[in-house]
Amino acid sequence: MYKMRRINVNFSIMLTLTQTQFQAALAHGAIESVALVPQGPRFCVKLVTRTGEALLVQARSAVPRLFGTTDTALKLLHKLGVQRIVLDHLDEWQPEQAALQKRSRPDRAQALSRAAEYDRWVAAKVKASRDDPRPDVSHEEWQAVRAAKLAQRQALHQP
């Protein structure tokens, strides 16, 4: 089976499982219970396995997988086939810290903005082409125009 790593969470040693390891353990009946536990403003998934407690971690990492809401965690656990989940230690949940720990991704926002701008530009070009009252160019005419342009370009680049 998979190797489980040990990490220090809240001053206690705990086994870790990636999502793939968790799925395999769940399929083989090695998971006894699943709990959502607050970590500041987020939630982590703690498991009780046959060999002790474990924590769901990010793939290829020992960093705990944290969920911004219980909804996102529940959707994943439901998709993985978990049927019973314990919501524990809610008195430790600190939702007011969410604004302090919010990750901003301006680089992603800029990329999405540029993509939307490009989509608008392409849509405008297509609309202009469709609205053009001039007659369509036949395939043979286009091939002749294209060949002439390529020949002109090659003539410019020859010494």
N, C-alpha and C. Protein backbone atom coordinates (compact mmCIF):
# COMPACT_ATOMS: atom_id res chain seq x y z
N MET A 1 0.84 -1.18 0.00
CA MET A 1 0.00 0.00 0.00
C MET A 1 0.88 1.24 0.00
N TYR A 2 0.32 2.39 0.28
CA TYR A 2 1.04 3.65 0.25
C TYR A 2 1.78 3.91 1.55
N LYS A 3 2.89 4.64 1.43
CA LYS A 3 3.60 5.08 2.62
C LYS A 3 2.88 6.28 3.21
N MET A 4 2.74 6.28 4.49
CA MET A 4 2.12 7.43 5.15
C MET A 4 3.22 8.22 5.85
N ARG A 5 3.19 9.53 5.69
CA ARG A 5 4.16 10.40 6.35
C ARG A 5 3.59 10.87 7.67
N ARG A 6 4.47 11.29 8.54
CA ARG A 6 4.04 11.86 9.81
C ARG A 6 4.39 13.34 9.83
N ILE A 7 3.42 14.17 10.25
CA ILE A 7 3.70 15.59 10.39
C ILE A 7 3.21 16.05 11.75
N ASN A 8 3.67 17.23 12.14
CA ASN A 8 3.32 17.79 13.43
C ASN A 8 2.21 18.82 13.23
N VAL A 9 1.01 18.53 13.71
CA VAL A 9 -0.12 19.44 13.63
C VAL A 9 -0.63 19.68 15.04
N ASN A 10 -0.74 20.94 15.42
CA ASN A 10 -1.20 21.29 16.77
C ASN A 10 -0.42 20.52 17.83
N PHE A 11 0.88 20.43 17.64
CA PHE A 11 1.81 19.84 18.60
C PHE A 11 1.61 18.34 18.82
N SER A 12 0.94 17.67 17.89
CA SER A 12 0.81 16.22 18.02
C SER A 12 1.23 15.58 16.69
N ILE A 13 1.86 14.42 16.79
CA ILE A 13 2.30 13.72 15.60
C ILE A 13 1.09 13.02 14.98
N MET A 14 0.95 13.16 13.65
CA MET A 14 -0.21 12.60 12.99
C MET A 14 0.20 12.05 11.62
N LEU A 15 -0.41 10.94 11.23
CA LEU A 15 -0.18 10.39 9.90
C LEU A 15 -0.81 11.31 8.86
N THR A 16 -0.31 11.25 7.62
CA THR A 16 -0.89 12.04 6.55
C THR A 16 -1.30 11.12 5.41
N LEU A 17 -2.37 11.50 4.72
CA LEU A 17 -2.84 10.79 3.55
C LEU A 17 -3.15 11.79 2.45
N THR A 18 -2.70 11.49 1.24
CA THR A 18 -3.12 12.29 0.09
C THR A 18 -4.51 11.82 -0.31
N GLN A 19 -5.12 12.51 -1.25
CA GLN A 19 -6.45 12.12 -1.70
C GLN A 19 -6.45 10.71 -2.28
N THR A 20 -5.42 10.38 -3.05
CA THR A 20 -5.33 9.04 -3.65
C THR A 20 -5.19 7.97 -2.57
N GLN A 21 -4.35 8.24 -1.58
CA GLN A 21 -4.17 7.29 -0.47
C GLN A 21 -5.47 7.17 0.33
N PHE A 22 -6.15 8.29 0.53
CA PHE A 22 -7.41 8.28 1.25
C PHE A 22 -8.44 7.42 0.52
N GLN A 23 -8.52 7.59 -0.81
CA GLN A 23 -9.47 6.80 -1.59
C GLN A 23 -9.19 5.31 -1.47
N ALA A 24 -7.91 4.94 -1.54
CA ALA A 24 -7.54 3.52 -1.44
C ALA A 24 -7.89 2.99 -0.05
N ALA A 25 -7.57 3.76 0.99
CA ALA A 25 -7.86 3.33 2.35
C ALA A 25 -9.37 3.20 2.56
N LEU A 26 -10.14 4.15 2.03
CA LEU A 26 -11.60 4.10 2.17
C LEU A 26 -12.16 2.87 1.45
N ALA A 27 -11.64 2.59 0.26
CA ALA A 27 -12.12 1.44 -0.52
C ALA A 27 -11.83 0.12 0.18
N HIS A 28 -10.74 0.07 0.95
CA HIS A 28 -10.37 -1.16 1.64
C HIS A 28 -10.90 -1.22 3.07
N GLY A 29 -11.73 -0.25 3.46
CA GLY A 29 -12.33 -0.27 4.78
C GLY A 29 -11.39 0.13 5.91
N ALA A 30 -10.29 0.81 5.59
CA ALA A 30 -9.32 1.18 6.62
C ALA A 30 -9.66 2.51 7.31
N ILE A 31 -10.66 3.23 6.81
CA ILE A 31 -11.06 4.50 7.41
C ILE A 31 -12.23 4.22 8.34
N GLU A 32 -12.03 4.54 9.62
CA GLU A 32 -13.09 4.30 10.60
C GLU A 32 -14.02 5.50 10.75
N SER A 33 -13.46 6.72 10.67
CA SER A 33 -14.31 7.92 10.72
C SER A 33 -13.62 9.09 10.04
N VAL A 34 -14.44 10.04 9.62
CA VAL A 34 -13.96 11.24 8.94
C VAL A 34 -14.53 12.44 9.67
N ALA A 35 -13.68 13.44 9.95
CA ALA A 35 -14.14 14.64 10.66
C ALA A 35 -13.62 15.89 9.97
N LEU A 36 -14.46 16.92 9.95
CA LEU A 36 -14.02 18.25 9.53
C LEU A 36 -13.69 19.02 10.78
N VAL A 37 -12.48 19.55 10.83
CA VAL A 37 -12.01 20.26 12.02
C VAL A 37 -11.51 21.64 11.60
N PRO A 38 -11.93 22.70 12.30
CA PRO A 38 -11.48 24.04 11.93
C PRO A 38 -9.99 24.24 12.18
N GLN A 39 -9.37 24.97 11.26
CA GLN A 39 -7.99 25.42 11.41
C GLN A 39 -8.04 26.91 11.12
N GLY A 40 -8.23 27.73 12.12
CA GLY A 40 -8.44 29.16 11.91
C GLY A 40 -9.75 29.36 11.17
N PRO A 41 -9.73 30.05 10.00
CA PRO A 41 -10.98 30.28 9.27
C PRO A 41 -11.33 29.15 8.30
N ARG A 42 -10.45 28.19 8.15
CA ARG A 42 -10.67 27.10 7.20
C ARG A 42 -10.92 25.79 7.92
N PHE A 43 -11.11 24.73 7.13
CA PHE A 43 -11.37 23.41 7.68
C PHE A 43 -10.42 22.39 7.09
N CYS A 44 -9.96 21.47 7.92
CA CYS A 44 -9.15 20.36 7.43
C CYS A 44 -9.92 19.07 7.67
N VAL A 45 -9.47 18.00 7.01
CA VAL A 45 -10.13 16.70 7.14
C VAL A 45 -9.22 15.81 7.98
N LYS A 46 -9.73 15.40 9.13
CA LYS A 46 -9.01 14.46 9.99
C LYS A 46 -9.71 13.11 9.91
N LEU A 47 -8.91 12.08 9.88
CA LEU A 47 -9.43 10.72 9.72
C LEU A 47 -8.98 9.86 10.88
N VAL A 48 -9.78 8.90 11.22
CA VAL A 48 -9.36 7.86 12.15
C VAL A 48 -9.23 6.60 11.31
N THR A 49 -8.01 6.08 11.26
CA THR A 49 -7.74 4.87 10.50
C THR A 49 -7.49 3.73 11.47
N ARG A 50 -7.26 2.56 10.95
CA ARG A 50 -6.96 1.41 11.80
C ARG A 50 -5.63 1.58 12.53
N THR A 51 -4.73 2.43 11.97
CA THR A 51 -3.42 2.61 12.58
C THR A 51 -3.30 3.91 13.37
N GLY A 52 -4.39 4.67 13.47
CA GLY A 52 -4.36 5.92 14.24
C GLY A 52 -5.00 7.06 13.47
N GLU A 53 -4.80 8.26 13.98
CA GLU A 53 -5.37 9.44 13.33
C GLU A 53 -4.50 9.86 12.15
N ALA A 54 -5.16 10.44 11.15
CA ALA A 54 -4.45 10.90 9.95
C ALA A 54 -5.09 12.22 9.51
N LEU A 55 -4.35 12.91 8.66
CA LEU A 55 -4.79 14.20 8.15
C LEU A 55 -4.73 14.17 6.62
N LEU A 56 -5.75 14.67 5.95
CA LEU A 56 -5.74 14.75 4.49
C LEU A 56 -4.81 15.90 4.09
N VAL A 57 -3.85 15.61 3.22
CA VAL A 57 -2.85 16.61 2.81
C VAL A 57 -2.90 16.82 1.31
N GLN A 58 -2.22 17.88 0.87
CA GLN A 58 -2.13 18.19 -0.56
C GLN A 58 -1.29 17.11 -1.24
N ALA A 59 -1.52 16.92 -2.54
CA ALA A 59 -0.77 15.94 -3.30
C ALA A 59 0.71 16.28 -3.30
N ARG A 60 1.56 15.28 -3.17
CA ARG A 60 3.02 15.41 -3.18
C ARG A 60 3.52 16.43 -2.15
N SER A 61 2.87 16.47 -1.01
CA SER A 61 3.23 17.45 0.01
C SER A 61 2.73 16.96 1.37
N ALA A 62 3.31 17.53 2.40
CA ALA A 62 2.84 17.22 3.75
C ALA A 62 2.03 18.38 4.31
N VAL A 63 1.65 19.30 3.44
CA VAL A 63 0.87 20.47 3.85
C VAL A 63 -0.60 20.07 3.93
N PRO A 64 -1.26 20.35 5.05
CA PRO A 64 -2.67 19.97 5.19
C PRO A 64 -3.52 20.59 4.08
N ARG A 65 -4.46 19.83 3.58
CA ARG A 65 -5.39 20.35 2.58
C ARG A 65 -6.48 21.10 3.33
N LEU A 66 -6.55 22.40 3.11
CA LEU A 66 -7.51 23.24 3.83
C LEU A 66 -8.63 23.67 2.88
N PHE A 67 -9.85 23.69 3.41
CA PHE A 67 -11.02 24.07 2.65
C PHE A 67 -11.57 25.37 3.22
N GLY A 68 -11.93 26.30 2.34
CA GLY A 68 -12.45 27.60 2.77
C GLY A 68 -13.81 27.51 3.41
N THR A 69 -14.60 26.52 3.00
CA THR A 69 -15.94 26.35 3.57
C THR A 69 -16.20 24.86 3.80
N THR A 70 -17.16 24.59 4.65
CA THR A 70 -17.54 23.19 4.86
C THR A 70 -18.16 22.63 3.59
N ASP A 71 -18.81 23.49 2.82
CA ASP A 71 -19.45 23.06 1.58
C ASP A 71 -18.45 22.44 0.61
N THR A 72 -17.31 23.10 0.41
CA THR A 72 -16.31 22.56 -0.53
C THR A 72 -15.75 21.24 -0.02
N ALA A 73 -15.53 21.15 1.27
CA ALA A 73 -15.02 19.90 1.84
C ALA A 73 -16.05 18.78 1.70
N LEU A 74 -17.31 19.10 1.98
CA LEU A 74 -18.36 18.09 1.90
C LEU A 74 -18.56 17.60 0.46
N LYS A 75 -18.46 18.50 -0.50
CA LYS A 75 -18.59 18.09 -1.91
C LYS A 75 -17.51 17.09 -2.29
N LEU A 76 -16.27 17.36 -1.88
CA LEU A 76 -15.19 16.43 -2.20
C LEU A 76 -15.39 15.10 -1.49
N LEU A 77 -15.68 15.14 -0.21
CA LEU A 77 -15.85 13.90 0.56
C LEU A 77 -17.02 13.07 0.03
N HIS A 78 -18.09 13.75 -0.37
CA HIS A 78 -19.23 13.04 -0.95
C HIS A 78 -18.82 12.37 -2.26
N LYS A 79 -18.07 13.11 -3.09
CA LYS A 79 -17.61 12.56 -4.37
C LYS A 79 -16.71 11.34 -4.15
N LEU A 80 -15.94 11.34 -3.07
CA LEU A 80 -15.04 10.23 -2.78
C LEU A 80 -15.77 9.03 -2.16
N GLY A 81 -17.02 9.22 -1.77
CA GLY A 81 -17.81 8.11 -1.25
C GLY A 81 -17.96 8.07 0.26
N VAL A 82 -17.60 9.14 0.95
CA VAL A 82 -17.77 9.18 2.40
C VAL A 82 -19.25 9.37 2.70
N GLN A 83 -19.78 8.55 3.64
CA GLN A 83 -21.21 8.62 3.94
C GLN A 83 -21.52 9.26 5.28
N ARG A 84 -20.54 9.32 6.16
CA ARG A 84 -20.77 9.91 7.48
C ARG A 84 -19.58 10.80 7.82
N ILE A 85 -19.88 12.05 8.22
CA ILE A 85 -18.84 13.03 8.52
C ILE A 85 -19.17 13.69 9.86
N VAL A 86 -18.16 13.82 10.70
CA VAL A 86 -18.32 14.47 11.99
C VAL A 86 -17.80 15.90 11.86
N LEU A 87 -18.56 16.87 12.33
CA LEU A 87 -18.12 18.26 12.36
C LEU A 87 -17.74 18.54 13.81
N ASP A 88 -16.45 18.68 14.06
CA ASP A 88 -15.94 18.70 15.42
C ASP A 88 -15.22 20.01 15.74
N HIS A 89 -15.19 20.38 17.01
CA HIS A 89 -14.44 21.53 17.54
C HIS A 89 -14.85 22.86 16.89
N LEU A 90 -16.14 23.06 16.66
CA LEU A 90 -16.59 24.30 16.04
C LEU A 90 -16.28 25.52 16.91
N ASP A 91 -16.08 25.32 18.19
CA ASP A 91 -15.72 26.45 19.05
C ASP A 91 -14.35 27.02 18.69
N GLU A 92 -13.53 26.26 17.95
CA GLU A 92 -12.21 26.73 17.53
C GLU A 92 -12.23 27.42 16.16
N TRP A 93 -13.38 27.43 15.50
CA TRP A 93 -13.49 28.06 14.18
C TRP A 93 -13.39 29.57 14.32
N GLN A 94 -12.58 30.21 13.47
CA GLN A 94 -12.37 31.65 13.55
C GLN A 94 -12.65 32.30 12.19
N PRO A 95 -13.92 32.41 11.81
CA PRO A 95 -14.26 32.93 10.48
C PRO A 95 -13.80 34.37 10.26
N GLU A 96 -13.64 35.13 11.35
CA GLU A 96 -13.20 36.52 11.21
C GLU A 96 -11.78 36.63 10.66
N GLN A 97 -11.00 35.55 10.74
CA GLN A 97 -9.64 35.56 10.20
C GLN A 97 -9.59 35.34 8.69
N ALA A 98 -10.71 35.00 8.10
CA ALA A 98 -10.74 34.70 6.66
C ALA A 98 -10.24 35.87 5.83
N ALA A 99 -10.63 37.09 6.20
CA ALA A 99 -10.19 38.26 5.44
C ALA A 99 -8.69 38.46 5.57
N LEU A 100 -8.12 38.11 6.70
CA LEU A 100 -6.68 38.27 6.92
C LEU A 100 -5.87 37.27 6.12
N GLN A 101 -6.41 36.08 5.90
CA GLN A 101 -5.68 35.01 5.22
C GLN A 101 -6.10 34.84 3.76
N LYS A 102 -6.93 35.73 3.26
CA LYS A 102 -7.42 35.58 1.89
C LYS A 102 -6.27 35.74 0.90
N ARG A 103 -6.17 34.77 0.02
CA ARG A 103 -5.14 34.81 -1.02
C ARG A 103 -5.67 35.59 -2.20
N SER A 104 -4.89 36.54 -2.67
CA SER A 104 -5.31 37.25 -3.87
C SER A 104 -4.50 36.72 -5.04
N ARG A 105 -5.13 36.69 -6.19
CA ARG A 105 -4.46 36.20 -7.38
C ARG A 105 -4.64 37.22 -8.50
N PRO A 106 -3.98 38.38 -8.34
CA PRO A 106 -4.16 39.40 -9.38
C PRO A 106 -3.64 38.93 -10.73
N ASP A 107 -2.60 38.09 -10.71
CA ASP A 107 -2.09 37.58 -11.97
C ASP A 107 -3.16 36.79 -12.72
N ARG A 108 -3.93 36.01 -12.02
CA ARG A 108 -5.00 35.23 -12.63
C ARG A 108 -6.13 36.14 -13.10
N ALA A 109 -6.44 37.16 -12.30
CA ALA A 109 -7.49 38.10 -12.68
C ALA A 109 -7.09 38.84 -13.97
N GLN A 110 -5.84 39.23 -14.08
CA GLN A 110 -5.37 39.91 -15.29
C GLN A 110 -5.45 38.97 -16.49
N ALA A 111 -5.07 37.72 -16.30
CA ALA A 111 -5.13 36.76 -17.41
C ALA A 111 -6.57 36.56 -17.88
N LEU A 112 -7.49 36.46 -16.94
CA LEU A 112 -8.90 36.29 -17.31
C LEU A 112 -9.42 37.53 -18.02
N SER A 113 -8.98 38.71 -17.58
CA SER A 113 -9.40 39.95 -18.21
C SER A 113 -8.87 40.03 -19.65
N ARG A 114 -7.60 39.64 -19.83
CA ARG A 114 -7.03 39.64 -21.18
C ARG A 114 -7.74 38.63 -22.08
N ALA A 115 -8.08 37.48 -21.53
CA ALA A 115 -8.79 36.46 -22.31
C ALA A 115 -10.17 36.97 -22.72
N ALA A 116 -10.86 37.63 -21.81
CA ALA A 116 -12.18 38.18 -22.14
C ALA A 116 -12.06 39.28 -23.19
N GLU A 117 -11.02 40.10 -23.08
CA GLU A 117 -10.79 41.15 -24.06
C GLU A 117 -10.52 40.54 -25.45
N TYR A 118 -9.72 39.50 -25.49
CA TYR A 118 -9.43 38.81 -26.75
C TYR A 118 -10.71 38.20 -27.34
N ASP A 119 -11.53 37.59 -26.49
CA ASP A 119 -12.79 37.01 -26.95
C ASP A 119 -13.68 38.08 -27.58
N ARG A 120 -13.74 39.27 -26.94
CA ARG A 120 -14.54 40.36 -27.50
C ARG A 120 -13.98 40.81 -28.85
N TRP A 121 -12.66 40.88 -28.96
CA TRP A 121 -12.01 41.30 -30.20
C TRP A 121 -12.32 40.30 -31.32
N VAL A 122 -12.20 39.00 -31.05
CA VAL A 122 -12.50 37.97 -32.05
C VAL A 122 -13.97 38.04 -32.45
N ALA A 123 -14.85 38.18 -31.47
CA ALA A 123 -16.29 38.25 -31.77
C ALA A 123 -16.59 39.46 -32.66
N ALA A 124 -15.93 40.59 -32.39
CA ALA A 124 -16.14 41.78 -33.22
C ALA A 124 -15.64 41.55 -34.64
N LYS A 125 -14.48 40.89 -34.80
CA LYS A 125 -13.95 40.59 -36.13
C LYS A 125 -14.89 39.66 -36.89
N VAL A 126 -15.40 38.63 -36.23
CA VAL A 126 -16.31 37.69 -36.88
C VAL A 126 -17.59 38.41 -37.30
N LYS A 127 -18.13 39.25 -36.40
CA LYS A 127 -19.35 39.99 -36.71
C LYS A 127 -19.11 40.92 -37.90
N ALA A 128 -17.98 41.62 -37.91
CA ALA A 128 -17.67 42.53 -39.02
C ALA A 128 -17.56 41.75 -40.34
N SER A 129 -16.96 40.58 -40.27
CA SER A 129 -16.82 39.76 -41.47
C SER A 129 -18.17 39.29 -41.98
N ARG A 130 -19.02 38.90 -41.09
CA ARG A 130 -20.35 38.42 -41.49
C ARG A 130 -21.24 39.56 -42.02
N ASP A 131 -21.04 40.75 -41.46
CA ASP A 131 -21.84 41.91 -41.87
C ASP A 131 -21.29 42.58 -43.13
N ASP A 132 -20.12 42.17 -43.61
CA ASP A 132 -19.50 42.78 -44.79
C ASP A 132 -20.37 42.53 -46.02
N PRO A 133 -20.79 43.60 -46.72
CA PRO A 133 -21.69 43.44 -47.87
C PRO A 133 -20.99 42.94 -49.14
N ARG A 134 -19.66 42.94 -49.17
CA ARG A 134 -18.95 42.49 -50.37
C ARG A 134 -19.21 41.01 -50.62
N PRO A 135 -19.13 40.58 -51.88
CA PRO A 135 -19.37 39.16 -52.19
C PRO A 135 -18.25 38.27 -51.62
N ASP A 136 -18.58 37.03 -51.36
CA ASP A 136 -17.60 36.08 -50.85
C ASP A 136 -16.49 35.85 -51.87
N VAL A 137 -15.30 35.50 -51.38
CA VAL A 137 -14.16 35.18 -52.23
C VAL A 137 -14.13 33.67 -52.39
N SER A 138 -14.02 33.21 -53.64
CA SER A 138 -13.99 31.76 -53.86
C SER A 138 -12.66 31.19 -53.37
N HIS A 139 -12.64 29.90 -53.21
CA HIS A 139 -11.42 29.22 -52.74
C HIS A 139 -10.26 29.44 -53.73
N GLU A 140 -10.55 29.34 -55.00
CA GLU A 140 -9.50 29.50 -56.01
C GLU A 140 -8.93 30.92 -55.98
N GLU A 141 -9.82 31.92 -55.84
CA GLU A 141 -9.36 33.31 -55.76
C GLU A 141 -8.46 33.51 -54.55
N TRP A 142 -8.90 32.95 -53.40
CA TRP A 142 -8.12 33.11 -52.17
C TRP A 142 -6.75 32.45 -52.31
N GLN A 143 -6.69 31.28 -52.91
CA GLN A 143 -5.41 30.60 -53.10
C GLN A 143 -4.48 31.44 -53.98
N ALA A 144 -5.03 32.09 -55.02
CA ALA A 144 -4.22 32.94 -55.89
C ALA A 144 -3.69 34.16 -55.12
N VAL A 145 -4.55 34.79 -54.33
CA VAL A 145 -4.13 35.96 -53.53
C VAL A 145 -3.07 35.54 -52.53
N ARG A 146 -3.29 34.42 -51.88
CA ARG A 146 -2.34 33.92 -50.87
C ARG A 146 -1.00 33.61 -51.51
N ALA A 147 -0.98 32.95 -52.65
CA ALA A 147 0.27 32.61 -53.34
C ALA A 147 1.02 33.87 -53.74
N ALA A 148 0.29 34.90 -54.21
CA ALA A 148 0.93 36.16 -54.60
C ALA A 148 1.57 36.83 -53.38
N LYS A 149 0.87 36.82 -52.25
CA LYS A 149 1.42 37.44 -51.03
C LYS A 149 2.65 36.69 -50.54
N LEU A 150 2.62 35.37 -50.59
CA LEU A 150 3.78 34.58 -50.17
C LEU A 150 4.98 34.82 -51.09
N ALA A 151 4.74 34.92 -52.38
CA ALA A 151 5.82 35.18 -53.34
C ALA A 151 6.42 36.57 -53.09
N GLN A 152 5.56 37.53 -52.82
CA GLN A 152 6.03 38.90 -52.52
C GLN A 152 6.89 38.90 -51.25
N ARG A 153 6.46 38.20 -50.23
CA ARG A 153 7.20 38.14 -48.97
C ARG A 153 8.55 37.46 -49.18
N GLN A 154 8.58 36.38 -49.93
CA GLN A 154 9.84 35.67 -50.19
C GLN A 154 10.79 36.53 -51.01
N ALA A 155 10.27 37.31 -51.93
CA ALA A 155 11.11 38.19 -52.75
C ALA A 155 11.75 39.27 -51.89
N LEU A 156 11.05 39.75 -50.87
CA LEU A 156 11.60 40.77 -49.98
C LEU A 156 12.74 40.23 -49.11
N HIS A 157 12.68 38.96 -48.76
CA HIS A 157 13.67 38.36 -47.84
C HIS A 157 14.85 37.72 -48.56
N GLN A 158 14.83 37.70 -49.90
CA GLN A 158 15.97 37.11 -50.63
C GLN A 158 17.03 38.18 -50.90
N PRO A 159 18.34 37.84 -50.72
CA PRO A 159 19.39 38.83 -50.91
C PRO A 159 19.65 39.16 -52.37
